Amino acid sequence: MQVVSGGAGTGAAECSSTPGTWRASACSPSGAGCGGDKRILSEEWVKLSLTPTVPQPTYGYMNWFLNTDRKWMPNAPASAFGHVGNGTNLVYVDPEHDLVVVVRWIENGAINEFRERCWRRW
């Protein structure tokens, strides 16, 4: 089966999840990949996801974006990371503030402003 790069296509239709599932799979690094008592993502997967790649240091494994040098989200801590999917569905994780937020259909240009609003409410 062919899959369109970026995950939008027939292959992506086989996977569905709820915001709660996304939140649980991205919980703070102390429990990253865990949903309650159940491990959703392996420790190795989480480690790879949070390791900067050589060609693009702000990109981790699969669709994980890292805030290396605070380039992705200047208003967020360098330790922040997120998963960005098609249509700009975002799982934002801020381990310093124990914050995980799931947002759907946000404009790319509004991500940093969104993060700033989360911080003000925090």
PDB file of N, CA and C in Angstrom:
ATOM      1  N   MET A   1       0.834  -1.169   0.000  1.00  0.00           N
ATOM      2  CA  MET A   1       0.000   0.000   0.000  1.00  0.00           C
ATOM      3  C   MET A   1       0.884   1.239   0.000  1.00  0.00           C
ATOM      4  N   GLN A   2       0.606   2.182  -0.873  1.00  0.00           N
ATOM      5  CA  GLN A   2       1.353   3.426  -0.915  1.00  0.00           C
ATOM      6  C   GLN A   2       0.762   4.406   0.084  1.00  0.00           C
ATOM      7  N   VAL A   3       1.628   5.187   0.685  1.00  0.00           N
ATOM      8  CA  VAL A   3       1.205   6.202   1.634  1.00  0.00           C
ATOM      9  C   VAL A   3       1.793   7.529   1.193  1.00  0.00           C
ATOM     10  N   VAL A   4       0.984   8.566   1.241  1.00  0.00           N
ATOM     11  CA  VAL A   4       1.433   9.902   0.887  1.00  0.00           C
ATOM     12  C   VAL A   4       2.371  10.400   1.981  1.00  0.00           C
ATOM     13  N   SER A   5       3.514  10.982   1.590  1.00  0.00           N
ATOM     14  CA  SER A   5       4.435  11.489   2.613  1.00  0.00           C
ATOM     15  C   SER A   5       3.726  12.531   3.462  1.00  0.00           C
ATOM     16  N   GLY A   6       4.051  12.558   4.719  1.00  0.00           N
ATOM     17  CA  GLY A   6       3.389  13.468   5.646  1.00  0.00           C
ATOM     18  C   GLY A   6       2.244  12.803   6.364  1.00  0.00           C
ATOM     19  N   GLY A   7       1.904  11.567   6.002  1.00  0.00           N
ATOM     20  CA  GLY A   7       0.895  10.813   6.710  1.00  0.00           C
ATOM     21  C   GLY A   7      -0.529  11.046   6.260  1.00  0.00           C
ATOM     22  N   ALA A   8      -0.740  11.895   5.266  1.00  0.00           N
ATOM     23  CA  ALA A   8      -2.099  12.148   4.807  1.00  0.00           C
ATOM     24  C   ALA A   8      -2.405  11.231   3.637  1.00  0.00           C
ATOM     25  N   GLY A   9      -3.172  10.254   3.856  1.00  0.00           N
ATOM     26  CA  GLY A   9      -3.512   9.330   2.791  1.00  0.00           C
ATOM     27  C   GLY A   9      -4.088   8.051   3.346  1.00  0.00           C
ATOM     28  N   THR A  10      -4.130   7.045   2.539  1.00  0.00           N
ATOM     29  CA  THR A  10      -4.748   5.787   2.914  1.00  0.00           C
ATOM     30  C   THR A  10      -4.138   5.206   4.178  1.00  0.00           C
ATOM     31  N   GLY A  11      -2.824   5.226   4.300  1.00  0.00           N
ATOM     32  CA  GLY A  11      -2.161   4.665   5.467  1.00  0.00           C
ATOM     33  C   GLY A  11      -2.564   5.354   6.757  1.00  0.00           C
ATOM     34  N   ALA A  12      -2.733   6.661   6.712  1.00  0.00           N
ATOM     35  CA  ALA A  12      -3.082   7.403   7.911  1.00  0.00           C
ATOM     36  C   ALA A  12      -4.506   7.105   8.348  1.00  0.00           C
ATOM     37  N   ALA A  13      -5.358   6.696   7.436  1.00  0.00           N
ATOM     38  CA  ALA A  13      -6.746   6.420   7.765  1.00  0.00           C
ATOM     39  C   ALA A  13      -6.890   5.202   8.672  1.00  0.00           C
ATOM     40  N   GLU A  14      -5.840   4.402   8.772  1.00  0.00           N
ATOM     41  CA  GLU A  14      -5.890   3.209   9.606  1.00  0.00           C
ATOM     42  C   GLU A  14      -5.675   3.512  11.080  1.00  0.00           C
ATOM     43  N   CYS A  15      -5.303   4.712  11.392  1.00  0.00           N
ATOM     44  CA  CYS A  15      -4.989   5.064  12.771  1.00  0.00           C
ATOM     45  C   CYS A  15      -5.924   6.178  13.233  1.00  0.00           C
ATOM     46  N   SER A  16      -6.567   5.981  14.350  1.00  0.00           N
ATOM     47  CA  SER A  16      -7.371   7.054  14.917  1.00  0.00           C
ATOM     48  C   SER A  16      -7.100   7.107  16.412  1.00  0.00           C
ATOM     49  N   SER A  17      -7.229   8.281  16.971  1.00  0.00           N
ATOM     50  CA  SER A  17      -6.975   8.439  18.396  1.00  0.00           C
ATOM     51  C   SER A  17      -7.766   9.625  18.906  1.00  0.00           C
ATOM     52  N   THR A  18      -7.812   9.742  20.209  1.00  0.00           N
ATOM     53  CA  THR A  18      -8.502  10.856  20.846  1.00  0.00           C
ATOM     54  C   THR A  18      -7.457  11.801  21.429  1.00  0.00           C
ATOM     55  N   PRO A  19      -7.832  13.032  21.750  1.00  0.00           N
ATOM     56  CA  PRO A  19      -6.872  13.923  22.402  1.00  0.00           C
ATOM     57  C   PRO A  19      -6.308  13.311  23.686  1.00  0.00           C
ATOM     58  N   GLY A  20      -7.114  12.540  24.407  1.00  0.00           N
ATOM     59  CA  GLY A  20      -6.635  11.893  25.628  1.00  0.00           C
ATOM     60  C   GLY A  20      -5.528  10.894  25.341  1.00  0.00           C
ATOM     61  N   THR A  21      -5.647  10.161  24.235  1.00  0.00           N
ATOM     62  CA  THR A  21      -4.611   9.204  23.860  1.00  0.00           C
ATOM     63  C   THR A  21      -3.329   9.943  23.523  1.00  0.00           C
ATOM     64  N   TRP A  22      -3.457  11.032  22.755  1.00  0.00           N
ATOM     65  CA  TRP A  22      -2.268  11.815  22.411  1.00  0.00           C
ATOM     66  C   TRP A  22      -1.622  12.385  23.661  1.00  0.00           C
ATOM     67  N   ARG A  23      -2.446  12.912  24.573  1.00  0.00           N
ATOM     68  CA  ARG A  23      -1.905  13.489  25.806  1.00  0.00           C
ATOM     69  C   ARG A  23      -1.165  12.420  26.606  1.00  0.00           C
ATOM     70  N   ALA A  24      -1.772  11.259  26.727  1.00  0.00           N
ATOM     71  CA  ALA A  24      -1.149  10.182  27.503  1.00  0.00           C
ATOM     72  C   ALA A  24       0.152   9.715  26.882  1.00  0.00           C
ATOM     73  N   SER A  25       0.215   9.688  25.562  1.00  0.00           N
ATOM     74  CA  SER A  25       1.425   9.201  24.907  1.00  0.00           C
ATOM     75  C   SER A  25       2.556  10.212  24.952  1.00  0.00           C
ATOM     76  N   ALA A  26       2.246  11.446  25.319  1.00  0.00           N
ATOM     77  CA  ALA A  26       3.270  12.493  25.335  1.00  0.00           C
ATOM     78  C   ALA A  26       3.472  13.095  26.712  1.00  0.00           C
ATOM     79  N   CYS A  27       3.015  12.416  27.756  1.00  0.00           N
ATOM     80  CA  CYS A  27       3.131  12.986  29.095  1.00  0.00           C
ATOM     81  C   CYS A  27       4.580  13.315  29.431  1.00  0.00           C
ATOM     82  N   SER A  28       4.784  14.027  30.504  1.00  0.00           N
ATOM     83  CA  SER A  28       6.120  14.553  30.812  1.00  0.00           C
ATOM     84  C   SER A  28       7.209  13.488  30.722  1.00  0.00           C
ATOM     85  N   PRO A  29       8.450  13.896  30.419  1.00  0.00           N
ATOM     86  CA  PRO A  29       9.534  12.942  30.208  1.00  0.00           C
ATOM     87  C   PRO A  29       9.726  11.935  31.334  1.00  0.00           C
ATOM     88  N   SER A  30       9.370  12.299  32.560  1.00  0.00           N
ATOM     89  CA  SER A  30       9.517  11.330  33.642  1.00  0.00           C
ATOM     90  C   SER A  30       8.602  10.133  33.420  1.00  0.00           C
ATOM     91  N   GLY A  31       7.527  10.334  32.688  1.00  0.00           N
ATOM     92  CA  GLY A  31       6.622   9.229  32.387  1.00  0.00           C
ATOM     93  C   GLY A  31       6.293   9.190  30.914  1.00  0.00           C
ATOM     94  N   ALA A  32       7.148   9.774  30.079  1.00  0.00           N
ATOM     95  CA  ALA A  32       6.875   9.880  28.640  1.00  0.00           C
ATOM     96  C   ALA A  32       6.539   8.533  28.054  1.00  0.00           C
ATOM     97  N   GLY A  33       5.484   8.524  27.269  1.00  0.00           N
ATOM     98  CA  GLY A  33       5.053   7.301  26.621  1.00  0.00           C
ATOM     99  C   GLY A  33       4.105   6.484  27.465  1.00  0.00           C
ATOM    100  N   CYS A  34       3.676   7.050  28.601  1.00  0.00           N
ATOM    101  CA  CYS A  34       2.808   6.300  29.502  1.00  0.00           C
ATOM    102  C   CYS A  34       1.427   6.929  29.563  1.00  0.00           C
ATOM    103  N   GLY A  35       0.422   6.084  29.640  1.00  0.00           N
ATOM    104  CA  GLY A  35      -0.947   6.519  29.857  1.00  0.00           C
ATOM    105  C   GLY A  35      -1.420   5.846  31.123  1.00  0.00           C
ATOM    106  N   GLY A  36      -1.326   6.539  32.258  1.00  0.00           N
ATOM    107  CA  GLY A  36      -1.635   5.916  33.536  1.00  0.00           C
ATOM    108  C   GLY A  36      -0.570   4.878  33.857  1.00  0.00           C
ATOM    109  N   ASP A  37      -0.986   3.644  34.095  1.00  0.00           N
ATOM    110  CA  ASP A  37      -0.042   2.567  34.408  1.00  0.00           C
ATOM    111  C   ASP A  37       0.410   1.814  33.173  1.00  0.00           C
ATOM    112  N   LYS A  38      -0.117   2.169  32.018  1.00  0.00           N
ATOM    113  CA  LYS A  38       0.179   1.439  30.787  1.00  0.00           C
ATOM    114  C   LYS A  38       1.174   2.202  29.917  1.00  0.00           C
ATOM    115  N   ARG A  39       2.227   1.515  29.471  1.00  0.00           N
ATOM    116  CA  ARG A  39       3.203   2.124  28.558  1.00  0.00           C
ATOM    117  C   ARG A  39       2.620   2.088  27.155  1.00  0.00           C
ATOM    118  N   ILE A  40       2.526   3.258  26.518  1.00  0.00           N
ATOM    119  CA  ILE A  40       1.990   3.375  25.159  1.00  0.00           C
ATOM    120  C   ILE A  40       3.125   3.383  24.148  1.00  0.00           C
ATOM    121  N   LEU A  41       4.180   4.123  24.459  1.00  0.00           N
ATOM    122  CA  LEU A  41       5.367   4.200  23.611  1.00  0.00           C
ATOM    123  C   LEU A  41       6.557   3.646  24.395  1.00  0.00           C
ATOM    124  N   SER A  42       7.412   2.892  23.711  1.00  0.00           N
ATOM    125  CA  SER A  42       8.585   2.334  24.389  1.00  0.00           C
ATOM    126  C   SER A  42       9.537   3.454  24.800  1.00  0.00           C
ATOM    127  N   GLU A  43      10.364   3.160  25.815  1.00  0.00           N
ATOM    128  CA  GLU A  43      11.355   4.137  26.252  1.00  0.00           C
ATOM    129  C   GLU A  43      12.313   4.478  25.116  1.00  0.00           C
ATOM    130  N   GLU A  44      12.657   3.483  24.294  1.00  0.00           N
ATOM    131  CA  GLU A  44      13.552   3.719  23.157  1.00  0.00           C
ATOM    132  C   GLU A  44      12.915   4.686  22.152  1.00  0.00           C
ATOM    133  N   TRP A  45      11.620   4.501  21.891  1.00  0.00           N
ATOM    134  CA  TRP A  45      10.900   5.384  20.961  1.00  0.00           C
ATOM    135  C   TRP A  45      10.927   6.816  21.478  1.00  0.00           C
ATOM    136  N   VAL A  46      10.652   6.989  22.760  1.00  0.00           N
ATOM    137  CA  VAL A  46      10.656   8.328  23.355  1.00  0.00           C
ATOM    138  C   VAL A  46      12.049   8.941  23.265  1.00  0.00           C
ATOM    139  N   LYS A  47      13.078   8.145  23.573  1.00  0.00           N
ATOM    140  CA  LYS A  47      14.457   8.638  23.489  1.00  0.00           C
ATOM    141  C   LYS A  47      14.778   9.112  22.074  1.00  0.00           C
ATOM    142  N   LEU A  48      14.427   8.308  21.059  1.00  0.00           N
ATOM    143  CA  LEU A  48      14.674   8.697  19.670  1.00  0.00           C
ATOM    144  C   LEU A  48      13.871   9.946  19.296  1.00  0.00           C
ATOM    145  N   SER A  49      12.647  10.028  19.791  1.00  0.00           N
ATOM    146  CA  SER A  49      11.790  11.170  19.478  1.00  0.00           C
ATOM    147  C   SER A  49      12.355  12.474  20.007  1.00  0.00           C
ATOM    148  N   LEU A  50      13.078  12.406  21.125  1.00  0.00           N
ATOM    149  CA  LEU A  50      13.609  13.610  21.759  1.00  0.00           C
ATOM    150  C   LEU A  50      15.084  13.856  21.454  1.00  0.00           C
ATOM    151  N   THR A  51      15.647  13.083  20.523  1.00  0.00           N
ATOM    152  CA  THR A  51      17.037  13.251  20.111  1.00  0.00           C
ATOM    153  C   THR A  51      17.092  14.077  18.831  1.00  0.00           C
ATOM    154  N   PRO A  52      17.756  15.239  18.851  1.00  0.00           N
ATOM    155  CA  PRO A  52      17.858  16.058  17.634  1.00  0.00           C
ATOM    156  C   PRO A  52      18.546  15.287  16.499  1.00  0.00           C
ATOM    157  N   THR A  53      18.064  15.471  15.294  1.00  0.00           N
ATOM    158  CA  THR A  53      18.691  14.830  14.137  1.00  0.00           C
ATOM    159  C   THR A  53      19.826  15.706  13.617  1.00  0.00           C
ATOM    160  N   VAL A  54      20.764  15.110  12.923  1.00  0.00           N
ATOM    161  CA  VAL A  54      21.911  15.852  12.396  1.00  0.00           C
ATOM    162  C   VAL A  54      21.479  16.863  11.321  1.00  0.00           C
ATOM    163  N   PRO A  55      20.653  16.447  10.341  1.00  0.00           N
ATOM    164  CA  PRO A  55      20.294  17.417   9.302  1.00  0.00           C
ATOM    165  C   PRO A  55      19.431  18.579   9.809  1.00  0.00           C
ATOM    166  N   GLN A  56      18.603  18.314  10.856  1.00  0.00           N
ATOM    167  CA  GLN A  56      17.713  19.358  11.365  1.00  0.00           C
ATOM    168  C   GLN A  56      17.586  19.188  12.887  1.00  0.00           C
ATOM    169  N   PRO A  57      18.370  19.944  13.674  1.00  0.00           N
ATOM    170  CA  PRO A  57      18.379  19.779  15.130  1.00  0.00           C
ATOM    171  C   PRO A  57      17.042  20.055  15.824  1.00  0.00           C
ATOM    172  N   THR A  58      16.108  20.683  15.138  1.00  0.00           N
ATOM    173  CA  THR A  58      14.797  20.929  15.750  1.00  0.00           C
ATOM    174  C   THR A  58      13.802  19.816  15.413  1.00  0.00           C
ATOM    175  N   TYR A  59      14.303  18.741  14.825  1.00  0.00           N
ATOM    176  CA  TYR A  59      13.434  17.644  14.420  1.00  0.00           C
ATOM    177  C   TYR A  59      13.910  16.365  15.084  1.00  0.00           C
ATOM    178  N   GLY A  60      13.001  15.683  15.778  1.00  0.00           N
ATOM    179  CA  GLY A  60      13.306  14.397  16.399  1.00  0.00           C
ATOM    180  C   GLY A  60      12.793  13.263  15.531  1.00  0.00           C
ATOM    181  N   TYR A  61      12.600  12.114  16.122  1.00  0.00           N
ATOM    182  CA  TYR A  61      12.133  10.912  15.421  1.00  0.00           C
ATOM    183  C   TYR A  61      10.656  11.042  15.082  1.00  0.00           C
ATOM    184  N   MET A  62      10.306  10.643  13.893  1.00  0.00           N
ATOM    185  CA  MET A  62       8.927  10.742  13.400  1.00  0.00           C
ATOM    186  C   MET A  62       8.485  12.200  13.474  1.00  0.00           C
ATOM    187  N   ASN A  63       7.314  12.575  13.744  1.00  0.00           N
ATOM    188  CA  ASN A  63       6.914  13.978  13.644  1.00  0.00           C
ATOM    189  C   ASN A  63       7.110  14.774  14.928  1.00  0.00           C
ATOM    190  N   TRP A  64       8.121  14.434  15.712  1.00  0.00           N
ATOM    191  CA  TRP A  64       8.366  15.186  16.934  1.00  0.00           C
ATOM    192  C   TRP A  64       9.244  16.393  16.639  1.00  0.00           C
ATOM    193  N   PHE A  65       8.779  17.550  17.025  1.00  0.00           N
ATOM    194  CA  PHE A  65       9.517  18.790  16.846  1.00  0.00           C
ATOM    195  C   PHE A  65      10.119  19.185  18.185  1.00  0.00           C
ATOM    196  N   LEU A  66      11.389  19.525  18.161  1.00  0.00           N
ATOM    197  CA  LEU A  66      12.111  19.895  19.371  1.00  0.00           C
ATOM    198  C   LEU A  66      12.342  21.397  19.381  1.00  0.00           C
ATOM    199  N   ASN A  67      12.389  21.957  20.542  1.00  0.00           N
ATOM    200  CA  ASN A  67      12.601  23.399  20.657  1.00  0.00           C
ATOM    201  C   ASN A  67      14.079  23.720  20.879  1.00  0.00           C
ATOM    202  N   THR A  68      14.928  22.978  20.194  1.00  0.00           N
ATOM    203  CA  THR A  68      16.375  23.154  20.280  1.00  0.00           C
ATOM    204  C   THR A  68      16.734  24.620  20.015  1.00  0.00           C
ATOM    205  N   ASP A  69      17.478  25.202  20.913  1.00  0.00           N
ATOM    206  CA  ASP A  69      17.882  26.612  20.805  1.00  0.00           C
ATOM    207  C   ASP A  69      16.691  27.560  20.721  1.00  0.00           C
ATOM    208  N   ARG A  70      15.536  27.083  21.142  1.00  0.00           N
ATOM    209  CA  ARG A  70      14.290  27.864  21.158  1.00  0.00           C
ATOM    210  C   ARG A  70      13.940  28.425  19.779  1.00  0.00           C
ATOM    211  N   LYS A  71      14.219  27.648  18.748  1.00  0.00           N
ATOM    212  CA  LYS A  71      13.923  28.086  17.376  1.00  0.00           C
ATOM    213  C   LYS A  71      12.482  27.798  16.977  1.00  0.00           C
ATOM    214  N   TRP A  72      11.939  26.674  17.409  1.00  0.00           N
ATOM    215  CA  TRP A  72      10.582  26.299  16.997  1.00  0.00           C
ATOM    216  C   TRP A  72       9.548  27.192  17.679  1.00  0.00           C
ATOM    217  N   MET A  73       9.686  27.372  19.001  1.00  0.00           N
ATOM    218  CA  MET A  73       8.802  28.229  19.780  1.00  0.00           C
ATOM    219  C   MET A  73       9.659  29.126  20.660  1.00  0.00           C
ATOM    220  N   PRO A  74       9.982  30.324  20.196  1.00  0.00           N
ATOM    221  CA  PRO A  74      10.850  31.213  20.972  1.00  0.00           C
ATOM    222  C   PRO A  74      10.333  31.511  22.379  1.00  0.00           C
ATOM    223  N   ASN A  75       9.017  31.486  22.579  1.00  0.00           N
ATOM    224  CA  ASN A  75       8.443  31.797  23.894  1.00  0.00           C
ATOM    225  C   ASN A  75       8.439  30.605  24.844  1.00  0.00           C
ATOM    226  N   ALA A  76       8.818  29.434  24.369  1.00  0.00           N
ATOM    227  CA  ALA A  76       8.778  28.217  25.181  1.00  0.00           C
ATOM    228  C   ALA A  76      10.175  27.836  25.664  1.00  0.00           C
ATOM    229  N   PRO A  77      10.240  27.042  26.735  1.00  0.00           N
ATOM    230  CA  PRO A  77      11.552  26.563  27.188  1.00  0.00           C
ATOM    231  C   PRO A  77      12.203  25.690  26.118  1.00  0.00           C
ATOM    232  N   ALA A  78      13.534  25.629  26.134  1.00  0.00           N
ATOM    233  CA  ALA A  78      14.251  24.789  25.165  1.00  0.00           C
ATOM    234  C   ALA A  78      13.903  23.321  25.325  1.00  0.00           C
ATOM    235  N   SER A  79      13.425  22.919  26.498  1.00  0.00           N
ATOM    236  CA  SER A  79      13.069  21.522  26.744  1.00  0.00           C
ATOM    237  C   SER A  79      11.697  21.147  26.174  1.00  0.00           C
ATOM    238  N   ALA A  80      10.925  22.135  25.716  1.00  0.00           N
ATOM    239  CA  ALA A  80       9.596  21.857  25.168  1.00  0.00           C
ATOM    240  C   ALA A  80       9.714  21.089  23.857  1.00  0.00           C
ATOM    241  N   PHE A  81       8.711  20.272  23.587  1.00  0.00           N
ATOM    242  CA  PHE A  81       8.660  19.534  22.329  1.00  0.00           C
ATOM    243  C   PHE A  81       7.216  19.302  21.967  1.00  0.00           C
ATOM    244  N   GLY A  82       6.999  18.824  20.771  1.00  0.00           N
ATOM    245  CA  GLY A  82       5.630  18.567  20.352  1.00  0.00           C
ATOM    246  C   GLY A  82       5.576  17.657  19.152  1.00  0.00           C
ATOM    247  N   HIS A  83       4.415  17.115  18.942  1.00  0.00           N
ATOM    248  CA  HIS A  83       4.151  16.292  17.771  1.00  0.00           C
ATOM    249  C   HIS A  83       3.218  17.098  16.890  1.00  0.00           C
ATOM    250  N   VAL A  84       3.588  17.258  15.644  1.00  0.00           N
ATOM    251  CA  VAL A  84       2.781  18.032  14.716  1.00  0.00           C
ATOM    252  C   VAL A  84       2.338  17.116  13.593  1.00  0.00           C
ATOM    253  N   GLY A  85       1.041  17.062  13.361  1.00  0.00           N
ATOM    254  CA  GLY A  85       0.508  16.209  12.314  1.00  0.00           C
ATOM    255  C   GLY A  85      -0.192  17.023  11.248  1.00  0.00           C
ATOM    256  N   ASN A  86      -0.689  16.339  10.254  1.00  0.00           N
ATOM    257  CA  ASN A  86      -1.371  16.959   9.128  1.00  0.00           C
ATOM    258  C   ASN A  86      -2.527  17.833   9.604  1.00  0.00           C
ATOM    259  N   GLY A  87      -2.674  18.990   8.982  1.00  0.00           N
ATOM    260  CA  GLY A  87      -3.720  19.927   9.387  1.00  0.00           C
ATOM    261  C   GLY A  87      -3.303  20.724  10.607  1.00  0.00           C
ATOM    262  N   THR A  88      -2.056  20.607  10.976  1.00  0.00           N
ATOM    263  CA  THR A  88      -1.463  21.190  12.167  1.00  0.00           C
ATOM    264  C   THR A  88      -2.259  20.798  13.408  1.00  0.00           C
ATOM    265  N   ASN A  89      -2.319  19.507  13.629  1.00  0.00           N
ATOM    266  CA  ASN A  89      -2.771  18.965  14.897  1.00  0.00           C
ATOM    267  C   ASN A  89      -1.528  18.914  15.765  1.00  0.00           C
ATOM    268  N   LEU A  90      -1.596  19.447  16.960  1.00  0.00           N
ATOM    269  CA  LEU A  90      -0.412  19.643  17.778  1.00  0.00           C
ATOM    270  C   LEU A  90      -0.593  19.039  19.159  1.00  0.00           C
ATOM    271  N   VAL A  91       0.419  18.291  19.589  1.00  0.00           N
ATOM    272  CA  VAL A  91       0.541  17.873  20.983  1.00  0.00           C
ATOM    273  C   VAL A  91       1.748  18.641  21.510  1.00  0.00           C
ATOM    274  N   TYR A  92       1.513  19.613  22.368  1.00  0.00           N
ATOM    275  CA  TYR A  92       2.573  20.455  22.910  1.00  0.00           C
ATOM    276  C   TYR A  92       2.924  19.950  24.304  1.00  0.00           C
ATOM    277  N   VAL A  93       4.211  19.718  24.566  1.00  0.00           N
ATOM    278  CA  VAL A  93       4.668  19.221  25.856  1.00  0.00           C
ATOM    279  C   VAL A  93       5.705  20.187  26.423  1.00  0.00           C
ATOM    280  N   ASP A  94       5.448  20.653  27.627  1.00  0.00           N
ATOM    281  CA  ASP A  94       6.356  21.545  28.338  1.00  0.00           C
ATOM    282  C   ASP A  94       6.717  20.860  29.655  1.00  0.00           C
ATOM    283  N   PRO A  95       7.806  20.059  29.651  1.00  0.00           N
ATOM    284  CA  PRO A  95       8.152  19.301  30.857  1.00  0.00           C
ATOM    285  C   PRO A  95       8.504  20.174  32.062  1.00  0.00           C
ATOM    286  N   GLU A  96       9.030  21.371  31.825  1.00  0.00           N
ATOM    287  CA  GLU A  96       9.406  22.244  32.941  1.00  0.00           C
ATOM    288  C   GLU A  96       8.192  22.689  33.747  1.00  0.00           C
ATOM    289  N   HIS A  97       7.036  22.742  33.078  1.00  0.00           N
ATOM    290  CA  HIS A  97       5.821  23.195  33.741  1.00  0.00           C
ATOM    291  C   HIS A  97       4.775  22.092  33.844  1.00  0.00           C
ATOM    292  N   ASP A  98       5.197  20.852  33.562  1.00  0.00           N
ATOM    293  CA  ASP A  98       4.317  19.686  33.633  1.00  0.00           C
ATOM    294  C   ASP A  98       3.024  19.946  32.852  1.00  0.00           C
ATOM    295  N   LEU A  99       3.191  20.427  31.626  1.00  0.00           N
ATOM    296  CA  LEU A  99       2.058  20.838  30.806  1.00  0.00           C
ATOM    297  C   LEU A  99       2.020  20.046  29.506  1.00  0.00           C
ATOM    298  N   VAL A 100       0.876  19.437  29.217  1.00  0.00           N
ATOM    299  CA  VAL A 100       0.643  18.755  27.943  1.00  0.00           C
ATOM    300  C   VAL A 100      -0.675  19.280  27.407  1.00  0.00           C
ATOM    301  N   VAL A 101      -0.648  19.817  26.185  1.00  0.00           N
ATOM    302  CA  VAL A 101      -1.848  20.386  25.577  1.00  0.00           C
ATOM    303  C   VAL A 101      -2.017  19.802  24.183  1.00  0.00           C
ATOM    304  N   VAL A 102      -3.249  19.405  23.860  1.00  0.00           N
ATOM    305  CA  VAL A 102      -3.565  18.871  22.536  1.00  0.00           C
ATOM    306  C   VAL A 102      -4.443  19.895  21.824  1.00  0.00           C
ATOM    307  N   VAL A 103      -4.016  20.301  20.621  1.00  0.00           N
ATOM    308  CA  VAL A 103      -4.749  21.296  19.835  1.00  0.00           C
ATOM    309  C   VAL A 103      -4.944  20.749  18.430  1.00  0.00           C
ATOM    310  N   ARG A 104      -6.120  20.955  17.866  1.00  0.00           N
ATOM    311  CA  ARG A 104      -6.373  20.504  16.506  1.00  0.00           C
ATOM    312  C   ARG A 104      -6.621  21.686  15.590  1.00  0.00           C
ATOM    313  N   TRP A 105      -6.130  21.595  14.367  1.00  0.00           N
ATOM    314  CA  TRP A 105      -6.363  22.557  13.290  1.00  0.00           C
ATOM    315  C   TRP A 105      -5.945  23.970  13.643  1.00  0.00           C
ATOM    316  N   ILE A 106      -4.790  24.115  14.259  1.00  0.00           N
ATOM    317  CA  ILE A 106      -4.244  25.435  14.562  1.00  0.00           C
ATOM    318  C   ILE A 106      -3.396  25.894  13.369  1.00  0.00           C
ATOM    319  N   GLU A 107      -3.406  27.150  13.085  1.00  0.00           N
ATOM    320  CA  GLU A 107      -2.582  27.688  12.004  1.00  0.00           C
ATOM    321  C   GLU A 107      -1.113  27.615  12.402  1.00  0.00           C
ATOM    322  N   ASN A 108      -0.240  27.249  11.462  1.00  0.00           N
ATOM    323  CA  ASN A 108       1.196  27.158  11.754  1.00  0.00           C
ATOM    324  C   ASN A 108       1.743  28.434  12.378  1.00  0.00           C
ATOM    325  N   GLY A 109       1.361  29.567  11.840  1.00  0.00           N
ATOM    326  CA  GLY A 109       1.869  30.843  12.333  1.00  0.00           C
ATOM    327  C   GLY A 109       1.360  31.219  13.718  1.00  0.00           C
ATOM    328  N   ALA A 110       0.369  30.507  14.229  1.00  0.00           N
ATOM    329  CA  ALA A 110      -0.218  30.837  15.530  1.00  0.00           C
ATOM    330  C   ALA A 110       0.318  29.971  16.666  1.00  0.00           C
ATOM    331  N   ILE A 111       1.212  29.017  16.360  1.00  0.00           N
ATOM    332  CA  ILE A 111       1.687  28.090  17.384  1.00  0.00           C
ATOM    333  C   ILE A 111       2.425  28.806  18.509  1.00  0.00           C
ATOM    334  N   ASN A 112       3.331  29.707  18.187  1.00  0.00           N
ATOM    335  CA  ASN A 112       4.082  30.405  19.232  1.00  0.00           C
ATOM    336  C   ASN A 112       3.156  31.281  20.080  1.00  0.00           C
ATOM    337  N   GLU A 113       2.201  31.954  19.441  1.00  0.00           N
ATOM    338  CA  GLU A 113       1.236  32.772  20.183  1.00  0.00           C
ATOM    339  C   GLU A 113       0.374  31.887  21.079  1.00  0.00           C
ATOM    340  N   PHE A 114      -0.029  30.720  20.558  1.00  0.00           N
ATOM    341  CA  PHE A 114      -0.809  29.768  21.356  1.00  0.00           C
ATOM    342  C   PHE A 114      -0.035  29.380  22.615  1.00  0.00           C
ATOM    343  N   ARG A 115       1.245  29.067  22.451  1.00  0.00           N
ATOM    344  CA  ARG A 115       2.085  28.676  23.577  1.00  0.00           C
ATOM    345  C   ARG A 115       2.168  29.798  24.593  1.00  0.00           C
ATOM    346  N   GLU A 116       2.290  31.025  24.121  1.00  0.00           N
ATOM    347  CA  GLU A 116       2.358  32.171  25.002  1.00  0.00           C
ATOM    348  C   GLU A 116       1.064  32.297  25.809  1.00  0.00           C
ATOM    349  N   ARG A 117      -0.066  32.076  25.173  1.00  0.00           N
ATOM    350  CA  ARG A 117      -1.359  32.151  25.890  1.00  0.00           C
ATOM    351  C   ARG A 117      -1.464  31.065  26.946  1.00  0.00           C
ATOM    352  N   CYS A 118      -0.983  29.881  26.636  1.00  0.00           N
ATOM    353  CA  CYS A 118      -0.977  28.791  27.620  1.00  0.00           C
ATOM    354  C   CYS A 118      -0.139  29.204  28.831  1.00  0.00           C
ATOM    355  N   TRP A 119       1.009  29.788  28.568  1.00  0.00           N
ATOM    356  CA  TRP A 119       1.911  30.183  29.640  1.00  0.00           C
ATOM    357  C   TRP A 119       1.274  31.243  30.523  1.00  0.00           C
ATOM    358  N   ARG A 120       0.594  32.232  29.911  1.00  0.00           N
ATOM    359  CA  ARG A 120      -0.051  33.289  30.701  1.00  0.00           C
ATOM    360  C   ARG A 120      -1.126  32.717  31.612  1.00  0.00           C
ATOM    361  N   ARG A 121      -1.852  31.699  31.118  1.00  0.00           N
ATOM    362  CA  ARG A 121      -2.907  31.086  31.933  1.00  0.00           C
ATOM    363  C   ARG A 121      -2.308  30.211  33.014  1.00  0.00           C
ATOM    364  N   TRP A 122      -1.138  29.685  32.757  1.00  0.00           N
ATOM    365  CA  TRP A 122      -0.489  28.786  33.708  1.00  0.00           C
ATOM    366  C   TRP A 122      -0.075  29.573  34.912  1.00  0.00           C
TER     367      TRP A 122
END
